[in-house]
Amino acid sequence: MSGGGFDPGLLRHRLVIESAAGAPDGAGGEAVTWDTFATVWARIAPTASGEEIVAGHLSGIVSHTITMRYRADIAGGMRALHRGRIFRILVVTDPDERRRYIVAKAEEEGP
């Protein structure tokens, strides 16, 4: 989807966007909870894969680009849900600065 070839028909994945919220954990701290922020149509495309060590164990990482219609309120730190999969949104850009669509770089969280 380059600047001149935006095809809204490719937005065929229904995503729930969630934002993090703090909730008291009963011990004087805060636990992270996720609140539904928006439901959008998007395109999900894998871009890269690799491995990293998480808590002493080798874990697979799959990076994706998520393309959706322009919204100014989607940002890094949020997450997207699709059919039981969780995508951690890292950064969001407007690639052609025309406010037609945005592209989010995301990593899929493993089970």
PDB file of N, CA and C in Angstrom:
ATOM      1  N   MET A   1       0.829  -1.186   0.000  1.00  0.00           N
ATOM      2  CA  MET A   1       0.000   0.000   0.000  1.00  0.00           C
ATOM      3  C   MET A   1       0.866   1.238   0.000  1.00  0.00           C
ATOM      4  N   SER A   2       1.334   1.575  -1.141  1.00  0.00           N
ATOM      5  CA  SER A   2       2.120   2.797  -1.253  1.00  0.00           C
ATOM      6  C   SER A   2       1.190   3.996  -1.253  1.00  0.00           C
ATOM      7  N   GLY A   3       1.772   5.191  -1.244  1.00  0.00           N
ATOM      8  CA  GLY A   3       0.989   6.410  -1.146  1.00  0.00           C
ATOM      9  C   GLY A   3      -0.133   6.520  -2.159  1.00  0.00           C
ATOM     10  N   GLY A   4       0.092   6.127  -3.423  1.00  0.00           N
ATOM     11  CA  GLY A   4      -0.927   6.286  -4.434  1.00  0.00           C
ATOM     12  C   GLY A   4      -1.856   5.103  -4.565  1.00  0.00           C
ATOM     13  N   GLY A   5      -1.536   3.962  -3.966  1.00  0.00           N
ATOM     14  CA  GLY A   5      -2.313   2.764  -4.183  1.00  0.00           C
ATOM     15  C   GLY A   5      -3.091   2.275  -2.991  1.00  0.00           C
ATOM     16  N   PHE A   6      -3.613   3.148  -2.169  1.00  0.00           N
ATOM     17  CA  PHE A   6      -4.375   2.717  -1.004  1.00  0.00           C
ATOM     18  C   PHE A   6      -5.695   2.101  -1.433  1.00  0.00           C
ATOM     19  N   ASP A   7      -5.894   0.827  -1.076  1.00  0.00           N
ATOM     20  CA  ASP A   7      -7.115   0.108  -1.422  1.00  0.00           C
ATOM     21  C   ASP A   7      -7.843  -0.278  -0.141  1.00  0.00           C
ATOM     22  N   PRO A   8      -8.917   0.436   0.219  1.00  0.00           N
ATOM     23  CA  PRO A   8      -9.622   0.135   1.459  1.00  0.00           C
ATOM     24  C   PRO A   8     -10.227  -1.268   1.479  1.00  0.00           C
ATOM     25  N   GLY A   9     -10.361  -1.901   0.316  1.00  0.00           N
ATOM     26  CA  GLY A   9     -10.878  -3.267   0.273  1.00  0.00           C
ATOM     27  C   GLY A   9      -9.947  -4.279   0.916  1.00  0.00           C
ATOM     28  N   LEU A  10      -8.690  -3.925   1.127  1.00  0.00           N
ATOM     29  CA  LEU A  10      -7.733  -4.816   1.785  1.00  0.00           C
ATOM     30  C   LEU A  10      -7.891  -4.829   3.306  1.00  0.00           C
ATOM     31  N   LEU A  11      -8.688  -3.899   3.847  1.00  0.00           N
ATOM     32  CA  LEU A  11      -8.899  -3.834   5.294  1.00  0.00           C
ATOM     33  C   LEU A  11      -9.984  -4.850   5.660  1.00  0.00           C
ATOM     34  N   ARG A  12      -9.584  -6.120   5.802  1.00  0.00           N
ATOM     35  CA  ARG A  12     -10.568  -7.188   5.995  1.00  0.00           C
ATOM     36  C   ARG A  12     -10.483  -7.897   7.339  1.00  0.00           C
ATOM     37  N   HIS A  13      -9.581  -7.454   8.221  1.00  0.00           N
ATOM     38  CA  HIS A  13      -9.471  -8.041   9.549  1.00  0.00           C
ATOM     39  C   HIS A  13     -10.146  -7.111  10.561  1.00  0.00           C
ATOM     40  N   ARG A  14     -11.062  -7.654  11.352  1.00  0.00           N
ATOM     41  CA  ARG A  14     -11.742  -6.852  12.374  1.00  0.00           C
ATOM     42  C   ARG A  14     -10.915  -6.904  13.648  1.00  0.00           C
ATOM     43  N   LEU A  15     -10.349  -5.759  14.062  1.00  0.00           N
ATOM     44  CA  LEU A  15      -9.479  -5.690  15.234  1.00  0.00           C
ATOM     45  C   LEU A  15     -10.134  -4.938  16.369  1.00  0.00           C
ATOM     46  N   VAL A  16      -9.840  -5.369  17.576  1.00  0.00           N
ATOM     47  CA  VAL A  16     -10.195  -4.613  18.767  1.00  0.00           C
ATOM     48  C   VAL A  16      -8.906  -3.977  19.266  1.00  0.00           C
ATOM     49  N   ILE A  17      -8.894  -2.653  19.373  1.00  0.00           N
ATOM     50  CA  ILE A  17      -7.742  -1.926  19.897  1.00  0.00           C
ATOM     51  C   ILE A  17      -7.994  -1.700  21.381  1.00  0.00           C
ATOM     52  N   GLU A  18      -6.984  -2.011  22.200  1.00  0.00           N
ATOM     53  CA  GLU A  18      -7.105  -1.829  23.644  1.00  0.00           C
ATOM     54  C   GLU A  18      -6.019  -0.887  24.142  1.00  0.00           C
ATOM     55  N   SER A  19      -6.348  -0.155  25.208  1.00  0.00           N
ATOM     56  CA  SER A  19      -5.365   0.714  25.847  1.00  0.00           C
ATOM     57  C   SER A  19      -5.160   0.243  27.282  1.00  0.00           C
ATOM     58  N   ALA A  20      -3.955   0.443  27.776  1.00  0.00           N
ATOM     59  CA  ALA A  20      -3.616   0.006  29.130  1.00  0.00           C
ATOM     60  C   ALA A  20      -4.201   0.971  30.152  1.00  0.00           C
ATOM     61  N   ALA A  21      -4.635   0.404  31.269  1.00  0.00           N
ATOM     62  CA  ALA A  21      -5.150   1.201  32.380  1.00  0.00           C
ATOM     63  C   ALA A  21      -4.654   0.565  33.674  1.00  0.00           C
ATOM     64  N   GLY A  22      -4.370   1.385  34.646  1.00  0.00           N
ATOM     65  CA  GLY A  22      -3.929   0.877  35.942  1.00  0.00           C
ATOM     66  C   GLY A  22      -5.119   0.634  36.854  1.00  0.00           C
ATOM     67  N   ALA A  23      -5.057  -0.456  37.590  1.00  0.00           N
ATOM     68  CA  ALA A  23      -6.104  -0.766  38.559  1.00  0.00           C
ATOM     69  C   ALA A  23      -5.425  -1.183  39.858  1.00  0.00           C
ATOM     70  N   PRO A  24      -5.944  -0.765  41.013  1.00  0.00           N
ATOM     71  CA  PRO A  24      -5.333  -1.157  42.281  1.00  0.00           C
ATOM     72  C   PRO A  24      -5.285  -2.681  42.406  1.00  0.00           C
ATOM     73  N   ASP A  25      -4.133  -3.189  42.899  1.00  0.00           N
ATOM     74  CA  ASP A  25      -4.007  -4.642  43.034  1.00  0.00           C
ATOM     75  C   ASP A  25      -4.317  -5.133  44.442  1.00  0.00           C
ATOM     76  N   GLY A  26      -4.712  -4.235  45.338  1.00  0.00           N
ATOM     77  CA  GLY A  26      -5.076  -4.624  46.695  1.00  0.00           C
ATOM     78  C   GLY A  26      -3.890  -4.684  47.639  1.00  0.00           C
ATOM     79  N   ALA A  27      -2.695  -4.525  47.136  1.00  0.00           N
ATOM     80  CA  ALA A  27      -1.496  -4.569  47.973  1.00  0.00           C
ATOM     81  C   ALA A  27      -0.747  -3.241  47.907  1.00  0.00           C
ATOM     82  N   GLY A  28      -1.424  -2.180  47.500  1.00  0.00           N
ATOM     83  CA  GLY A  28      -0.801  -0.872  47.427  1.00  0.00           C
ATOM     84  C   GLY A  28      -0.151  -0.562  46.096  1.00  0.00           C
ATOM     85  N   GLY A  29      -0.178  -1.509  45.178  1.00  0.00           N
ATOM     86  CA  GLY A  29       0.403  -1.296  43.860  1.00  0.00           C
ATOM     87  C   GLY A  29      -0.671  -1.184  42.804  1.00  0.00           C
ATOM     88  N   GLU A  30      -0.244  -1.335  41.574  1.00  0.00           N
ATOM     89  CA  GLU A  30      -1.169  -1.258  40.457  1.00  0.00           C
ATOM     90  C   GLU A  30      -0.969  -2.443  39.529  1.00  0.00           C
ATOM     91  N   ALA A  31      -2.063  -2.980  39.043  1.00  0.00           N
ATOM     92  CA  ALA A  31      -2.020  -4.041  38.038  1.00  0.00           C
ATOM     93  C   ALA A  31      -2.487  -3.447  36.713  1.00  0.00           C
ATOM     94  N   VAL A  32      -1.900  -3.910  35.630  1.00  0.00           N
ATOM     95  CA  VAL A  32      -2.289  -3.415  34.314  1.00  0.00           C
ATOM     96  C   VAL A  32      -3.532  -4.156  33.848  1.00  0.00           C
ATOM     97  N   THR A  33      -4.533  -3.406  33.462  1.00  0.00           N
ATOM     98  CA  THR A  33      -5.729  -3.971  32.845  1.00  0.00           C
ATOM     99  C   THR A  33      -5.847  -3.347  31.455  1.00  0.00           C
ATOM    100  N   TRP A  34      -6.579  -4.011  30.590  1.00  0.00           N
ATOM    101  CA  TRP A  34      -6.746  -3.521  29.222  1.00  0.00           C
ATOM    102  C   TRP A  34      -8.202  -3.195  28.975  1.00  0.00           C
ATOM    103  N   ASP A  35      -8.457  -1.976  28.503  1.00  0.00           N
ATOM    104  CA  ASP A  35      -9.808  -1.510  28.193  1.00  0.00           C
ATOM    105  C   ASP A  35      -9.969  -1.394  26.685  1.00  0.00           C
ATOM    106  N   THR A  36     -11.146  -1.793  26.187  1.00  0.00           N
ATOM    107  CA  THR A  36     -11.429  -1.643  24.758  1.00  0.00           C
ATOM    108  C   THR A  36     -11.448  -0.156  24.412  1.00  0.00           C
ATOM    109  N   PHE A  37     -10.678   0.211  23.404  1.00  0.00           N
ATOM    110  CA  PHE A  37     -10.547   1.599  22.979  1.00  0.00           C
ATOM    111  C   PHE A  37     -11.311   1.848  21.683  1.00  0.00           C
ATOM    112  N   ALA A  38     -11.201   0.908  20.737  1.00  0.00           N
ATOM    113  CA  ALA A  38     -11.863   1.059  19.439  1.00  0.00           C
ATOM    114  C   ALA A  38     -11.935  -0.300  18.754  1.00  0.00           C
ATOM    115  N   THR A  39     -12.854  -0.425  17.818  1.00  0.00           N
ATOM    116  CA  THR A  39     -12.938  -1.589  16.950  1.00  0.00           C
ATOM    117  C   THR A  39     -12.817  -1.072  15.523  1.00  0.00           C
ATOM    118  N   VAL A  40     -11.850  -1.624  14.769  1.00  0.00           N
ATOM    119  CA  VAL A  40     -11.549  -1.091  13.441  1.00  0.00           C
ATOM    120  C   VAL A  40     -11.363  -2.226  12.440  1.00  0.00           C
ATOM    121  N   TRP A  41     -11.501  -1.897  11.158  1.00  0.00           N
ATOM    122  CA  TRP A  41     -11.135  -2.791  10.074  1.00  0.00           C
ATOM    123  C   TRP A  41      -9.690  -2.503   9.720  1.00  0.00           C
ATOM    124  N   ALA A  42      -8.912  -3.554   9.507  1.00  0.00           N
ATOM    125  CA  ALA A  42      -7.485  -3.368   9.251  1.00  0.00           C
ATOM    126  C   ALA A  42      -6.943  -4.473   8.355  1.00  0.00           C
ATOM    127  N   ARG A  43      -5.727  -4.263   7.909  1.00  0.00           N
ATOM    128  CA  ARG A  43      -4.971  -5.283   7.180  1.00  0.00           C
ATOM    129  C   ARG A  43      -3.792  -5.660   8.062  1.00  0.00           C
ATOM    130  N   ILE A  44      -3.585  -6.966   8.263  1.00  0.00           N
ATOM    131  CA  ILE A  44      -2.457  -7.459   9.048  1.00  0.00           C
ATOM    132  C   ILE A  44      -1.529  -8.208   8.105  1.00  0.00           C
ATOM    133  N   ALA A  45      -0.255  -7.830   8.101  1.00  0.00           N
ATOM    134  CA  ALA A  45       0.718  -8.492   7.229  1.00  0.00           C
ATOM    135  C   ALA A  45       1.995  -8.766   8.017  1.00  0.00           C
ATOM    136  N   PRO A  46       2.444 -10.036   8.048  1.00  0.00           N
ATOM    137  CA  PRO A  46       3.715 -10.325   8.715  1.00  0.00           C
ATOM    138  C   PRO A  46       4.865  -9.717   7.931  1.00  0.00           C
ATOM    139  N   THR A  47       5.870  -9.216   8.649  1.00  0.00           N
ATOM    140  CA  THR A  47       7.003  -8.585   7.971  1.00  0.00           C
ATOM    141  C   THR A  47       8.333  -9.249   8.292  1.00  0.00           C
ATOM    142  N   ALA A  48       8.471  -9.805   9.486  1.00  0.00           N
ATOM    143  CA  ALA A  48       9.747 -10.423   9.871  1.00  0.00           C
ATOM    144  C   ALA A  48       9.507 -11.380  11.029  1.00  0.00           C
ATOM    145  N   SER A  49      10.472 -12.266  11.231  1.00  0.00           N
ATOM    146  CA  SER A  49      10.398 -13.171  12.382  1.00  0.00           C
ATOM    147  C   SER A  49      11.804 -13.374  12.925  1.00  0.00           C
ATOM    148  N   GLY A  50      11.874 -13.771  14.168  1.00  0.00           N
ATOM    149  CA  GLY A  50      13.167 -13.992  14.805  1.00  0.00           C
ATOM    150  C   GLY A  50      12.973 -14.639  16.155  1.00  0.00           C
ATOM    151  N   GLU A  51      14.037 -14.668  16.925  1.00  0.00           N
ATOM    152  CA  GLU A  51      13.990 -15.270  18.252  1.00  0.00           C
ATOM    153  C   GLU A  51      14.664 -14.344  19.254  1.00  0.00           C
ATOM    154  N   GLU A  52      14.223 -14.443  20.509  1.00  0.00           N
ATOM    155  CA  GLU A  52      14.878 -13.723  21.583  1.00  0.00           C
ATOM    156  C   GLU A  52      14.745 -14.538  22.856  1.00  0.00           C
ATOM    157  N   ILE A  53      15.592 -14.241  23.815  1.00  0.00           N
ATOM    158  CA  ILE A  53      15.533 -14.951  25.091  1.00  0.00           C
ATOM    159  C   ILE A  53      14.655 -14.144  26.032  1.00  0.00           C
ATOM    160  N   VAL A  54      13.591 -14.790  26.526  1.00  0.00           N
ATOM    161  CA  VAL A  54      12.656 -14.175  27.449  1.00  0.00           C
ATOM    162  C   VAL A  54      12.618 -15.047  28.696  1.00  0.00           C
ATOM    163  N   ALA A  55      12.977 -14.464  29.838  1.00  0.00           N
ATOM    164  CA  ALA A  55      12.981 -15.181  31.120  1.00  0.00           C
ATOM    165  C   ALA A  55      13.791 -16.474  31.029  1.00  0.00           C
ATOM    166  N   GLY A  56      14.914 -16.416  30.332  1.00  0.00           N
ATOM    167  CA  GLY A  56      15.797 -17.575  30.248  1.00  0.00           C
ATOM    168  C   GLY A  56      15.398 -18.625  29.235  1.00  0.00           C
ATOM    169  N   HIS A  57      14.354 -18.376  28.453  1.00  0.00           N
ATOM    170  CA  HIS A  57      13.892 -19.336  27.446  1.00  0.00           C
ATOM    171  C   HIS A  57      13.865 -18.680  26.072  1.00  0.00           C
ATOM    172  N   LEU A  58      14.151 -19.462  25.058  1.00  0.00           N
ATOM    173  CA  LEU A  58      14.107 -18.967  23.689  1.00  0.00           C
ATOM    174  C   LEU A  58      12.656 -18.808  23.260  1.00  0.00           C
ATOM    175  N   SER A  59      12.321 -17.633  22.721  1.00  0.00           N
ATOM    176  CA  SER A  59      10.950 -17.333  22.323  1.00  0.00           C
ATOM    177  C   SER A  59      10.946 -16.760  20.917  1.00  0.00           C
ATOM    178  N   GLY A  60       9.974 -17.166  20.122  1.00  0.00           N
ATOM    179  CA  GLY A  60       9.836 -16.648  18.761  1.00  0.00           C
ATOM    180  C   GLY A  60       9.125 -15.310  18.750  1.00  0.00           C
ATOM    181  N   ILE A  61       9.543 -14.434  17.859  1.00  0.00           N
ATOM    182  CA  ILE A  61       8.933 -13.116  17.695  1.00  0.00           C
ATOM    183  C   ILE A  61       8.537 -12.965  16.231  1.00  0.00           C
ATOM    184  N   VAL A  62       7.308 -12.543  15.991  1.00  0.00           N
ATOM    185  CA  VAL A  62       6.857 -12.266  14.632  1.00  0.00           C
ATOM    186  C   VAL A  62       6.411 -10.808  14.586  1.00  0.00           C
ATOM    187  N   SER A  63       7.015 -10.041  13.670  1.00  0.00           N
ATOM    188  CA  SER A  63       6.661  -8.632  13.499  1.00  0.00           C
ATOM    189  C   SER A  63       5.621  -8.505  12.391  1.00  0.00           C
ATOM    190  N   HIS A  64       4.724  -7.556  12.553  1.00  0.00           N
ATOM    191  CA  HIS A  64       3.644  -7.324  11.593  1.00  0.00           C
ATOM    192  C   HIS A  64       3.505  -5.835  11.319  1.00  0.00           C
ATOM    193  N   THR A  65       2.908  -5.519  10.179  1.00  0.00           N
ATOM    194  CA  THR A  65       2.401  -4.174   9.946  1.00  0.00           C
ATOM    195  C   THR A  65       0.881  -4.280   9.951  1.00  0.00           C
ATOM    196  N   ILE A  66       0.271  -3.350  10.629  1.00  0.00           N
ATOM    197  CA  ILE A  66      -1.189  -3.291  10.703  1.00  0.00           C
ATOM    198  C   ILE A  66      -1.607  -1.965  10.082  1.00  0.00           C
ATOM    199  N   THR A  67      -2.368  -2.044   8.998  1.00  0.00           N
ATOM    200  CA  THR A  67      -2.807  -0.847   8.276  1.00  0.00           C
ATOM    201  C   THR A  67      -4.285  -0.640   8.537  1.00  0.00           C
ATOM    202  N   MET A  68      -4.667   0.584   8.880  1.00  0.00           N
ATOM    203  CA  MET A  68      -6.076   0.901   9.137  1.00  0.00           C
ATOM    204  C   MET A  68      -6.363   2.321   8.674  1.00  0.00           C
ATOM    205  N   ARG A  69      -7.635   2.649   8.571  1.00  0.00           N
ATOM    206  CA  ARG A  69      -8.004   4.017   8.200  1.00  0.00           C
ATOM    207  C   ARG A  69      -7.430   4.990   9.228  1.00  0.00           C
ATOM    208  N   TYR A  70      -7.197   6.217   8.791  1.00  0.00           N
ATOM    209  CA  TYR A  70      -6.553   7.220   9.638  1.00  0.00           C
ATOM    210  C   TYR A  70      -7.342   7.463  10.924  1.00  0.00           C
ATOM    211  N   ARG A  71      -6.601   7.441  12.015  1.00  0.00           N
ATOM    212  CA  ARG A  71      -7.094   7.855  13.323  1.00  0.00           C
ATOM    213  C   ARG A  71      -5.931   8.519  14.027  1.00  0.00           C
ATOM    214  N   ALA A  72      -6.170   9.639  14.671  1.00  0.00           N
ATOM    215  CA  ALA A  72      -5.103  10.337  15.381  1.00  0.00           C
ATOM    216  C   ALA A  72      -4.920   9.809  16.799  1.00  0.00           C
ATOM    217  N   ASP A  73      -5.806   8.919  17.240  1.00  0.00           N
ATOM    218  CA  ASP A  73      -5.785   8.494  18.642  1.00  0.00           C
ATOM    219  C   ASP A  73      -5.196   7.101  18.879  1.00  0.00           C
ATOM    220  N   ILE A  74      -4.620   6.467  17.878  1.00  0.00           N
ATOM    221  CA  ILE A  74      -3.956   5.177  18.047  1.00  0.00           C
ATOM    222  C   ILE A  74      -2.467   5.461  18.237  1.00  0.00           C
ATOM    223  N   ALA A  75      -1.846   4.814  19.240  1.00  0.00           N
ATOM    224  CA  ALA A  75      -0.445   5.115  19.547  1.00  0.00           C
ATOM    225  C   ALA A  75       0.283   3.868  20.035  1.00  0.00           C
ATOM    226  N   GLY A  76       1.605   3.955  20.047  1.00  0.00           N
ATOM    227  CA  GLY A  76       2.417   2.896  20.610  1.00  0.00           C
ATOM    228  C   GLY A  76       2.045   2.674  22.070  1.00  0.00           C
ATOM    229  N   GLY A  77       2.170   1.439  22.527  1.00  0.00           N
ATOM    230  CA  GLY A  77       1.785   1.094  23.892  1.00  0.00           C
ATOM    231  C   GLY A  77       0.403   0.473  23.972  1.00  0.00           C
ATOM    232  N   MET A  78      -0.373   0.635  22.906  1.00  0.00           N
ATOM    233  CA  MET A  78      -1.681  -0.016  22.850  1.00  0.00           C
ATOM    234  C   MET A  78      -1.480  -1.432  22.320  1.00  0.00           C
ATOM    235  N   ARG A  79      -2.555  -2.186  22.237  1.00  0.00           N
ATOM    236  CA  ARG A  79      -2.472  -3.501  21.630  1.00  0.00           C
ATOM    237  C   ARG A  79      -3.712  -3.762  20.795  1.00  0.00           C
ATOM    238  N   ALA A  80      -3.566  -4.691  19.853  1.00  0.00           N
ATOM    239  CA  ALA A  80      -4.665  -5.054  18.958  1.00  0.00           C
ATOM    240  C   ALA A  80      -4.953  -6.539  19.132  1.00  0.00           C
ATOM    241  N   LEU A  81      -6.223  -6.896  19.130  1.00  0.00           N
ATOM    242  CA  LEU A  81      -6.646  -8.284  19.264  1.00  0.00           C
ATOM    243  C   LEU A  81      -7.353  -8.718  17.992  1.00  0.00           C
ATOM    244  N   HIS A  82      -7.018  -9.926  17.538  1.00  0.00           N
ATOM    245  CA  HIS A  82      -7.686 -10.487  16.368  1.00  0.00           C
ATOM    246  C   HIS A  82      -7.736 -11.999  16.509  1.00  0.00           C
ATOM    247  N   ARG A  83      -8.951 -12.547  16.637  1.00  0.00           N
ATOM    248  CA  ARG A  83      -9.170 -13.999  16.717  1.00  0.00           C
ATOM    249  C   ARG A  83      -8.249 -14.690  17.719  1.00  0.00           C
ATOM    250  N   GLY A  84      -8.168 -14.134  18.916  1.00  0.00           N
ATOM    251  CA  GLY A  84      -7.369 -14.734  19.977  1.00  0.00           C
ATOM    252  C   GLY A  84      -5.893 -14.382  19.936  1.00  0.00           C
ATOM    253  N   ARG A  85      -5.459 -13.658  18.931  1.00  0.00           N
ATOM    254  CA  ARG A  85      -4.063 -13.238  18.825  1.00  0.00           C
ATOM    255  C   ARG A  85      -3.913 -11.835  19.396  1.00  0.00           C
ATOM    256  N   ILE A  86      -2.751 -11.569  20.004  1.00  0.00           N
ATOM    257  CA  ILE A  86      -2.484 -10.266  20.603  1.00  0.00           C
ATOM    258  C   ILE A  86      -1.274  -9.649  19.909  1.00  0.00           C
ATOM    259  N   PHE A  87      -1.449  -8.432  19.416  1.00  0.00           N
ATOM    260  CA  PHE A  87      -0.380  -7.694  18.750  1.00  0.00           C
ATOM    261  C   PHE A  87      -0.045  -6.457  19.586  1.00  0.00           C
ATOM    262  N   ARG A  88       1.190  -6.354  20.037  1.00  0.00           N
ATOM    263  CA  ARG A  88       1.653  -5.206  20.807  1.00  0.00           C
ATOM    264  C   ARG A  88       2.072  -4.115  19.824  1.00  0.00           C
ATOM    265  N   ILE A  89       1.385  -2.981  19.850  1.00  0.00           N
ATOM    266  CA  ILE A  89       1.674  -1.875  18.928  1.00  0.00           C
ATOM    267  C   ILE A  89       2.892  -1.116  19.434  1.00  0.00           C
ATOM    268  N   LEU A  90       3.910  -1.019  18.574  1.00  0.00           N
ATOM    269  CA  LEU A  90       5.161  -0.357  18.943  1.00  0.00           C
ATOM    270  C   LEU A  90       5.177   1.105  18.526  1.00  0.00           C
ATOM    271  N   VAL A  91       4.792   1.373  17.278  1.00  0.00           N
ATOM    272  CA  VAL A  91       4.813   2.734  16.742  1.00  0.00           C
ATOM    273  C   VAL A  91       3.767   2.843  15.642  1.00  0.00           C
ATOM    274  N   VAL A  92       3.223   4.040  15.457  1.00  0.00           N
ATOM    275  CA  VAL A  92       2.193   4.285  14.435  1.00  0.00           C
ATOM    276  C   VAL A  92       2.638   5.468  13.582  1.00  0.00           C
ATOM    277  N   THR A  93       2.522   5.315  12.252  1.00  0.00           N
ATOM    278  CA  THR A  93       2.895   6.395  11.342  1.00  0.00           C
ATOM    279  C   THR A  93       1.802   6.628  10.305  1.00  0.00           C
ATOM    280  N   ASP A  94       1.802   7.828   9.767  1.00  0.00           N
ATOM    281  CA  ASP A  94       0.967   8.188   8.619  1.00  0.00           C
ATOM    282  C   ASP A  94       1.935   8.261   7.439  1.00  0.00           C
ATOM    283  N   PRO A  95       2.085   7.171   6.664  1.00  0.00           N
ATOM    284  CA  PRO A  95       3.187   7.072   5.708  1.00  0.00           C
ATOM    285  C   PRO A  95       3.217   8.128   4.615  1.00  0.00           C
ATOM    286  N   ASP A  96       2.081   8.632   4.175  1.00  0.00           N
ATOM    287  CA  ASP A  96       2.124   9.647   3.120  1.00  0.00           C
ATOM    288  C   ASP A  96       1.639  11.018   3.608  1.00  0.00           C
ATOM    289  N   GLU A  97       1.412  11.146   4.930  1.00  0.00           N
ATOM    290  CA  GLU A  97       1.007  12.420   5.544  1.00  0.00           C
ATOM    291  C   GLU A  97      -0.253  13.017   4.916  1.00  0.00           C
ATOM    292  N   ARG A  98      -1.157  12.140   4.441  1.00  0.00           N
ATOM    293  CA  ARG A  98      -2.392  12.633   3.827  1.00  0.00           C
ATOM    294  C   ARG A  98      -3.620  12.279   4.660  1.00  0.00           C
ATOM    295  N   ARG A  99      -3.411  11.670   5.829  1.00  0.00           N
ATOM    296  CA  ARG A  99      -4.490  11.316   6.753  1.00  0.00           C
ATOM    297  C   ARG A  99      -5.531  10.400   6.129  1.00  0.00           C
ATOM    298  N   ARG A 100      -5.074   9.497   5.258  1.00  0.00           N
ATOM    299  CA  ARG A 100      -5.979   8.513   4.676  1.00  0.00           C
ATOM    300  C   ARG A 100      -5.927   7.208   5.450  1.00  0.00           C
ATOM    301  N   TYR A 101      -4.722   6.808   5.848  1.00  0.00           N
ATOM    302  CA  TYR A 101      -4.549   5.578   6.609  1.00  0.00           C
ATOM    303  C   TYR A 101      -3.293   5.694   7.464  1.00  0.00           C
ATOM    304  N   ILE A 102      -3.183   4.815   8.454  1.00  0.00           N
ATOM    305  CA  ILE A 102      -2.005   4.747   9.300  1.00  0.00           C
ATOM    306  C   ILE A 102      -1.459   3.326   9.268  1.00  0.00           C
ATOM    307  N   VAL A 103      -0.174   3.209   9.531  1.00  0.00           N
ATOM    308  CA  VAL A 103       0.487   1.917   9.586  1.00  0.00           C
ATOM    309  C   VAL A 103       1.116   1.762  10.966  1.00  0.00           C
ATOM    310  N   ALA A 104       0.761   0.682  11.636  1.00  0.00           N
ATOM    311  CA  ALA A 104       1.321   0.384  12.954  1.00  0.00           C
ATOM    312  C   ALA A 104       2.314  -0.750  12.817  1.00  0.00           C
ATOM    313  N   LYS A 105       3.503  -0.575  13.400  1.00  0.00           N
ATOM    314  CA  LYS A 105       4.463  -1.670  13.523  1.00  0.00           C
ATOM    315  C   LYS A 105       4.127  -2.378  14.823  1.00  0.00           C
ATOM    316  N   ALA A 106       3.979  -3.692  14.753  1.00  0.00           N
ATOM    317  CA  ALA A 106       3.545  -4.449  15.932  1.00  0.00           C
ATOM    318  C   ALA A 106       4.278  -5.778  16.028  1.00  0.00           C
ATOM    319  N   GLU A 107       4.331  -6.315  17.243  1.00  0.00           N
ATOM    320  CA  GLU A 107       4.873  -7.641  17.480  1.00  0.00           C
ATOM    321  C   GLU A 107       3.779  -8.518  18.072  1.00  0.00           C
ATOM    322  N   GLU A 108       3.684  -9.727  17.570  1.00  0.00           N
ATOM    323  CA  GLU A 108       2.687 -10.658  18.079  1.00  0.00           C
ATOM    324  C   GLU A 108       3.188 -11.265  19.375  1.00  0.00           C
ATOM    325  N   GLU A 109       2.364 -11.202  20.409  1.00  0.00           N
ATOM    326  CA  GLU A 109       2.728 -11.798  21.686  1.00  0.00           C
ATOM    327  C   GLU A 109       2.446 -13.295  21.629  1.00  0.00           C
ATOM    328  N   GLY A 110       3.385 -14.063  22.108  1.00  0.00           N
ATOM    329  CA  GLY A 110       3.246 -15.516  22.089  1.00  0.00           C
ATOM    330  C   GLY A 110       2.314 -16.021  23.182  1.00  0.00           C
ATOM    331  N   PRO A 111       2.003 -17.324  23.121  1.00  0.00           N
ATOM    332  CA  PRO A 111       1.084 -17.892  24.125  1.00  0.00           C
ATOM    333  C   PRO A 111       1.675 -17.911  25.511  1.00  0.00           C
TER     334      PRO A 111
END
